[in-house]
PDB file of all heavy atoms in Angstrom:
ATOM      1  N   GLU A   1       8.930  -5.846  -3.367  1.00  0.00           N
ATOM      2  CA  GLU A   1       9.854  -4.683  -3.478  1.00  0.00           C
ATOM      3  C   GLU A   1       9.557  -3.866  -4.693  1.00  0.00           C
ATOM      4  O   GLU A   1       9.772  -2.615  -4.680  1.00  0.00           O
ATOM      5  CB  GLU A   1      11.294  -5.180  -3.466  1.00  0.00           C
ATOM      6  CG  GLU A   1      11.740  -5.658  -2.133  1.00  0.00           C
ATOM      7  CD  GLU A   1      13.215  -6.018  -2.080  1.00  0.00           C
ATOM      8  OE1 GLU A   1      13.998  -5.445  -2.857  1.00  0.00           O
ATOM      9  OE2 GLU A   1      13.591  -6.857  -1.253  1.00  0.00           O
ATOM     10  N   GLY A   2       9.027  -4.431  -5.769  1.00  0.00           N
ATOM     11  CA  GLY A   2       8.822  -3.724  -7.020  1.00  0.00           C
ATOM     12  C   GLY A   2       7.727  -2.650  -6.927  1.00  0.00           C
ATOM     13  O   GLY A   2       7.603  -1.827  -7.821  1.00  0.00           O
ATOM     14  N   ILE A   3       6.883  -2.672  -5.893  1.00  0.00           N
ATOM     15  CA  ILE A   3       5.831  -1.674  -5.770  1.00  0.00           C
ATOM     16  C   ILE A   3       6.182  -0.667  -4.693  1.00  0.00           C
ATOM     17  O   ILE A   3       5.307   0.181  -4.365  1.00  0.00           O
ATOM     18  CB  ILE A   3       4.469  -2.307  -5.467  1.00  0.00           C
ATOM     19  CG1 ILE A   3       4.452  -3.050  -4.141  1.00  0.00           C
ATOM     20  CG2 ILE A   3       4.020  -3.227  -6.625  1.00  0.00           C
ATOM     21  CD1 ILE A   3       3.085  -3.311  -3.615  1.00  0.00           C
ATOM     22  N   LEU A   4       7.404  -0.707  -4.159  1.00  0.00           N
ATOM     23  CA  LEU A   4       7.768   0.221  -3.113  1.00  0.00           C
ATOM     24  C   LEU A   4       8.594   1.368  -3.611  1.00  0.00           C
ATOM     25  O   LEU A   4       9.310   1.236  -4.642  1.00  0.00           O
ATOM     26  CB  LEU A   4       8.542  -0.512  -2.015  1.00  0.00           C
ATOM     27  CG  LEU A   4       7.861  -1.667  -1.307  1.00  0.00           C
ATOM     28  CD1 LEU A   4       8.764  -2.340  -0.334  1.00  0.00           C
ATOM     29  CD2 LEU A   4       6.556  -1.175  -0.619  1.00  0.00           C
ATOM     30  N   THR A   5       8.478   2.545  -2.931  1.00  0.00           N
ATOM     31  CA  THR A   5       9.343   3.659  -3.229  1.00  0.00           C
ATOM     32  C   THR A   5      10.733   3.432  -2.677  1.00  0.00           C
ATOM     33  O   THR A   5      10.984   2.436  -1.920  1.00  0.00           O
ATOM     34  CB  THR A   5       8.759   4.948  -2.647  1.00  0.00           C
ATOM     35  OG1 THR A   5       8.773   4.837  -1.219  1.00  0.00           O
ATOM     36  CG2 THR A   5       7.359   5.204  -3.131  1.00  0.00           C
ATOM     37  N   GLU A   6      11.632   4.360  -2.886  1.00  0.00           N
ATOM     38  CA  GLU A   6      12.985   4.239  -2.292  1.00  0.00           C
ATOM     39  C   GLU A   6      12.904   4.277  -0.757  1.00  0.00           C
ATOM     40  O   GLU A   6      13.815   3.734  -0.087  1.00  0.00           O
ATOM     41  CB  GLU A   6      13.870   5.415  -2.772  1.00  0.00           C
ATOM     42  CG  GLU A   6      14.198   5.339  -4.264  1.00  0.00           C
ATOM     43  CD  GLU A   6      14.967   6.515  -4.712  1.00  0.00           C
ATOM     44  OE1 GLU A   6      15.331   7.446  -3.864  1.00  0.00           O
ATOM     45  OE2 GLU A   6      15.276   6.661  -5.922  1.00  0.00           O
ATOM     46  N   ASN A   7      11.895   4.886  -0.200  1.00  0.00           N
ATOM     47  CA  ASN A   7      11.715   5.007   1.232  1.00  0.00           C
ATOM     48  C   ASN A   7      10.930   3.821   1.812  1.00  0.00           C
ATOM     49  O   ASN A   7      10.634   3.812   3.004  1.00  0.00           O
ATOM     50  CB  ASN A   7      10.981   6.285   1.629  1.00  0.00           C
ATOM     51  CG  ASN A   7      11.749   7.508   1.212  1.00  0.00           C
ATOM     52  OD1 ASN A   7      12.986   7.475   1.110  1.00  0.00           O
ATOM     53  ND2 ASN A   7      11.075   8.555   0.882  1.00  0.00           N
ATOM     54  N   GLY A   8      10.604   2.802   0.988  1.00  0.00           N
ATOM     55  CA  GLY A   8       9.868   1.631   1.503  1.00  0.00           C
ATOM     56  C   GLY A   8       8.406   1.811   1.622  1.00  0.00           C
ATOM     57  O   GLY A   8       7.701   0.981   2.228  1.00  0.00           O
ATOM     58  N   LYS A   9       7.825   2.891   1.040  1.00  0.00           N
ATOM     59  CA  LYS A   9       6.380   3.092   1.037  1.00  0.00           C
ATOM     60  C   LYS A   9       5.764   2.520  -0.192  1.00  0.00           C
ATOM     61  O   LYS A   9       6.411   2.420  -1.230  1.00  0.00           O
ATOM     62  CB  LYS A   9       6.124   4.619   1.166  1.00  0.00           C
ATOM     63  CG  LYS A   9       6.686   5.278   2.386  1.00  0.00           C
ATOM     64  CD  LYS A   9       6.039   4.816   3.645  1.00  0.00           C
ATOM     65  CE  LYS A   9       6.607   5.598   4.816  1.00  0.00           C
ATOM     66  NZ  LYS A   9       6.125   5.130   6.094  1.00  0.00           N
ATOM     67  N   ILE A  10       4.480   2.210  -0.162  1.00  0.00           N
ATOM     68  CA  ILE A  10       3.793   1.704  -1.306  1.00  0.00           C
ATOM     69  C   ILE A  10       3.646   2.787  -2.357  1.00  0.00           C
ATOM     70  O   ILE A  10       3.221   3.883  -2.059  1.00  0.00           O
ATOM     71  CB  ILE A  10       2.378   1.171  -0.954  1.00  0.00           C
ATOM     72  CG1 ILE A  10       2.549  -0.010   0.030  1.00  0.00           C
ATOM     73  CG2 ILE A  10       1.633   0.708  -2.165  1.00  0.00           C
ATOM     74  CD1 ILE A  10       1.291  -0.455   0.684  1.00  0.00           C
ATOM     75  N   ASP A  11       4.070   2.529  -3.583  1.00  0.00           N
ATOM     76  CA  ASP A  11       3.907   3.464  -4.699  1.00  0.00           C
ATOM     77  C   ASP A  11       2.645   3.091  -5.496  1.00  0.00           C
ATOM     78  O   ASP A  11       2.611   2.108  -6.234  1.00  0.00           O
ATOM     79  CB  ASP A  11       5.151   3.326  -5.593  1.00  0.00           C
ATOM     80  CG  ASP A  11       5.139   4.340  -6.736  1.00  0.00           C
ATOM     81  OD1 ASP A  11       4.007   4.868  -7.106  1.00  0.00           O
ATOM     82  OD2 ASP A  11       6.170   4.604  -7.330  1.00  0.00           O
ATOM     83  N   TYR A  12       1.576   3.787  -5.271  1.00  0.00           N
ATOM     84  CA  TYR A  12       0.262   3.478  -5.852  1.00  0.00           C
ATOM     85  C   TYR A  12       0.239   3.712  -7.364  1.00  0.00           C
ATOM     86  O   TYR A  12      -0.664   3.164  -8.056  1.00  0.00           O
ATOM     87  CB  TYR A  12      -0.825   4.269  -5.131  1.00  0.00           C
ATOM     88  CG  TYR A  12      -1.039   3.724  -3.731  1.00  0.00           C
ATOM     89  CD1 TYR A  12      -0.522   4.414  -2.646  1.00  0.00           C
ATOM     90  CD2 TYR A  12      -1.726   2.565  -3.505  1.00  0.00           C
ATOM     91  CE1 TYR A  12      -0.663   3.913  -1.367  1.00  0.00           C
ATOM     92  CE2 TYR A  12      -1.873   2.088  -2.221  1.00  0.00           C
ATOM     93  CZ  TYR A  12      -1.339   2.787  -1.176  1.00  0.00           C
ATOM     94  OH  TYR A  12      -1.522   2.278   0.119  1.00  0.00           O
ATOM     95  N   THR A  13       1.175   4.464  -7.956  1.00  0.00           N
ATOM     96  CA  THR A  13       1.265   4.571  -9.375  1.00  0.00           C
ATOM     97  C   THR A  13       1.811   3.300 -10.009  1.00  0.00           C
ATOM     98  O   THR A  13       1.559   3.018 -11.166  1.00  0.00           O
ATOM     99  CB  THR A  13       2.117   5.777  -9.851  1.00  0.00           C
ATOM    100  OG1 THR A  13       3.431   5.618  -9.363  1.00  0.00           O
ATOM    101  CG2 THR A  13       1.523   7.086  -9.305  1.00  0.00           C
ATOM    102  N   LYS A  14       2.539   2.508  -9.218  1.00  0.00           N
ATOM    103  CA  LYS A  14       3.031   1.217  -9.694  1.00  0.00           C
ATOM    104  C   LYS A  14       2.028   0.108  -9.379  1.00  0.00           C
ATOM    105  O   LYS A  14       1.800  -0.752 -10.215  1.00  0.00           O
ATOM    106  CB  LYS A  14       4.381   0.865  -9.054  1.00  0.00           C
ATOM    107  CG  LYS A  14       5.514   1.715  -9.474  1.00  0.00           C
ATOM    108  CD  LYS A  14       6.790   1.289  -8.768  1.00  0.00           C
ATOM    109  CE  LYS A  14       7.924   2.251  -9.101  1.00  0.00           C
ATOM    110  NZ  LYS A  14       9.127   1.914  -8.334  1.00  0.00           N
ATOM    111  N   LEU A  15       1.451   0.149  -8.165  1.00  0.00           N
ATOM    112  CA  LEU A  15       0.525  -0.917  -7.738  1.00  0.00           C
ATOM    113  C   LEU A  15      -0.828  -0.795  -8.452  1.00  0.00           C
ATOM    114  O   LEU A  15      -1.382  -1.826  -8.874  1.00  0.00           O
ATOM    115  CB  LEU A  15       0.283  -0.815  -6.204  1.00  0.00           C
ATOM    116  CG  LEU A  15      -0.696  -1.757  -5.657  1.00  0.00           C
ATOM    117  CD1 LEU A  15      -0.227  -3.229  -5.817  1.00  0.00           C
ATOM    118  CD2 LEU A  15      -0.985  -1.494  -4.198  1.00  0.00           C
ATOM    119  N   LYS A  16      -1.379   0.391  -8.578  1.00  0.00           N
ATOM    120  CA  LYS A  16      -2.702   0.641  -9.207  1.00  0.00           C
ATOM    121  C   LYS A  16      -3.768  -0.277  -8.627  1.00  0.00           C
ATOM    122  O   LYS A  16      -4.287  -1.161  -9.264  1.00  0.00           O
ATOM    123  CB  LYS A  16      -2.628   0.538 -10.717  1.00  0.00           C
ATOM    124  CG  LYS A  16      -1.742   1.490 -11.389  1.00  0.00           C
ATOM    125  CD  LYS A  16      -1.798   1.399 -12.886  1.00  0.00           C
ATOM    126  CE  LYS A  16      -0.770   2.236 -13.574  1.00  0.00           C
ATOM    127  NZ  LYS A  16      -0.923   3.651 -13.491  1.00  0.00           N
ATOM    128  N   PRO A  17      -4.057  -0.082  -7.318  1.00  0.00           N
ATOM    129  CA  PRO A  17      -5.002  -0.951  -6.663  1.00  0.00           C
ATOM    130  C   PRO A  17      -6.398  -0.916  -7.284  1.00  0.00           C
ATOM    131  O   PRO A  17      -6.764   0.094  -7.966  1.00  0.00           O
ATOM    132  CB  PRO A  17      -5.082  -0.422  -5.197  1.00  0.00           C
ATOM    133  CG  PRO A  17      -4.551   0.953  -5.279  1.00  0.00           C
ATOM    134  CD  PRO A  17      -3.595   1.018  -6.456  1.00  0.00           C
ATOM    135  N   VAL A  18      -7.146  -1.971  -7.083  1.00  0.00           N
ATOM    136  CA  VAL A  18      -8.481  -2.091  -7.635  1.00  0.00           C
ATOM    137  C   VAL A  18      -9.502  -1.831  -6.499  1.00  0.00           C
ATOM    138  O   VAL A  18      -9.342  -2.335  -5.414  1.00  0.00           O
ATOM    139  CB  VAL A  18      -8.748  -3.437  -8.261  1.00  0.00           C
ATOM    140  CG1 VAL A  18     -10.188  -3.621  -8.672  1.00  0.00           C
ATOM    141  CG2 VAL A  18      -7.806  -3.664  -9.425  1.00  0.00           C
ATOM    142  N   LEU A  19     -10.487  -0.959  -6.765  1.00  0.00           N
ATOM    143  CA  LEU A  19     -11.558  -0.710  -5.763  1.00  0.00           C
ATOM    144  C   LEU A  19     -12.865  -1.360  -6.219  1.00  0.00           C
ATOM    145  O   LEU A  19     -13.098  -1.461  -7.459  1.00  0.00           O
ATOM    146  CB  LEU A  19     -11.768   0.788  -5.655  1.00  0.00           C
ATOM    147  CG  LEU A  19     -10.522   1.645  -5.244  1.00  0.00           C
ATOM    148  CD1 LEU A  19     -10.897   3.133  -5.244  1.00  0.00           C
ATOM    149  CD2 LEU A  19     -10.035   1.204  -3.865  1.00  0.00           C
ATOM    150  N   PHE A  20     -13.661  -1.745  -5.291  1.00  0.00           N
ATOM    151  CA  PHE A  20     -15.015  -2.251  -5.588  1.00  0.00           C
ATOM    152  C   PHE A  20     -16.012  -1.209  -5.223  1.00  0.00           C
ATOM    153  O   PHE A  20     -16.078  -0.737  -4.097  1.00  0.00           O
ATOM    154  CB  PHE A  20     -15.255  -3.576  -4.853  1.00  0.00           C
ATOM    155  CG  PHE A  20     -16.611  -4.146  -5.121  1.00  0.00           C
ATOM    156  CD1 PHE A  20     -16.930  -4.641  -6.341  1.00  0.00           C
ATOM    157  CD2 PHE A  20     -17.595  -4.140  -4.122  1.00  0.00           C
ATOM    158  CE1 PHE A  20     -18.201  -5.201  -6.582  1.00  0.00           C
ATOM    159  CE2 PHE A  20     -18.852  -4.667  -4.335  1.00  0.00           C
ATOM    160  CZ  PHE A  20     -19.153  -5.172  -5.538  1.00  0.00           C
ATOM    161  N   GLU A  21     -16.849  -0.802  -6.174  1.00  0.00           N
ATOM    162  CA  GLU A  21     -17.842   0.234  -5.943  1.00  0.00           C
ATOM    163  C   GLU A  21     -19.204  -0.438  -5.789  1.00  0.00           C
ATOM    164  O   GLU A  21     -19.686  -1.093  -6.717  1.00  0.00           O
ATOM    165  CB  GLU A  21     -17.769   1.212  -7.108  1.00  0.00           C
ATOM    166  CG  GLU A  21     -18.485   2.534  -6.818  1.00  0.00           C
ATOM    167  CD  GLU A  21     -19.876   2.559  -7.375  1.00  0.00           C
ATOM    168  OE1 GLU A  21     -20.190   1.845  -8.353  1.00  0.00           O
ATOM    169  OE2 GLU A  21     -20.733   3.275  -6.775  1.00  0.00           O
ATOM    170  N   MET A  22     -19.831  -0.263  -4.639  1.00  0.00           N
ATOM    171  CA  MET A  22     -21.022  -0.997  -4.281  1.00  0.00           C
ATOM    172  C   MET A  22     -22.278  -0.714  -5.129  1.00  0.00           C
ATOM    173  O   MET A  22     -22.856  -1.653  -5.597  1.00  0.00           O
ATOM    174  CB  MET A  22     -21.323  -0.716  -2.822  1.00  0.00           C
ATOM    175  CG  MET A  22     -21.657  -1.803  -1.904  1.00  0.00           C
ATOM    176  SD  MET A  22     -21.391  -3.477  -2.434  1.00  0.00           S
ATOM    177  CE  MET A  22     -22.715  -4.211  -1.568  1.00  0.00           C
ATOM    178  N   PRO A  23     -22.696   0.515  -5.313  1.00  0.00           N
ATOM    179  CA  PRO A  23     -23.968   0.721  -6.005  1.00  0.00           C
ATOM    180  C   PRO A  23     -24.014   0.122  -7.421  1.00  0.00           C
ATOM    181  O   PRO A  23     -25.049  -0.375  -7.862  1.00  0.00           O
ATOM    182  CB  PRO A  23     -24.170   2.250  -6.047  1.00  0.00           C
ATOM    183  CG  PRO A  23     -23.400   2.771  -4.868  1.00  0.00           C
ATOM    184  CD  PRO A  23     -22.184   1.811  -4.759  1.00  0.00           C
ATOM    185  N   THR A  24     -22.909   0.148  -8.142  1.00  0.00           N
ATOM    186  CA  THR A  24     -22.885  -0.358  -9.506  1.00  0.00           C
ATOM    187  C   THR A  24     -22.233  -1.724  -9.589  1.00  0.00           C
ATOM    188  O   THR A  24     -22.183  -2.330 -10.674  1.00  0.00           O
ATOM    189  CB  THR A  24     -22.132   0.590 -10.452  1.00  0.00           C
ATOM    190  OG1 THR A  24     -20.784   0.656 -10.051  1.00  0.00           O
ATOM    191  CG2 THR A  24     -22.743   1.975 -10.451  1.00  0.00           C
TER     192      THR A  24
END
């Protein structure tokens, strides 16, 4: 619940997901 907006959507400014970048 701590990473959701009031509307129940994922808030990416709270979650800050990690991406994996292939070439590097």
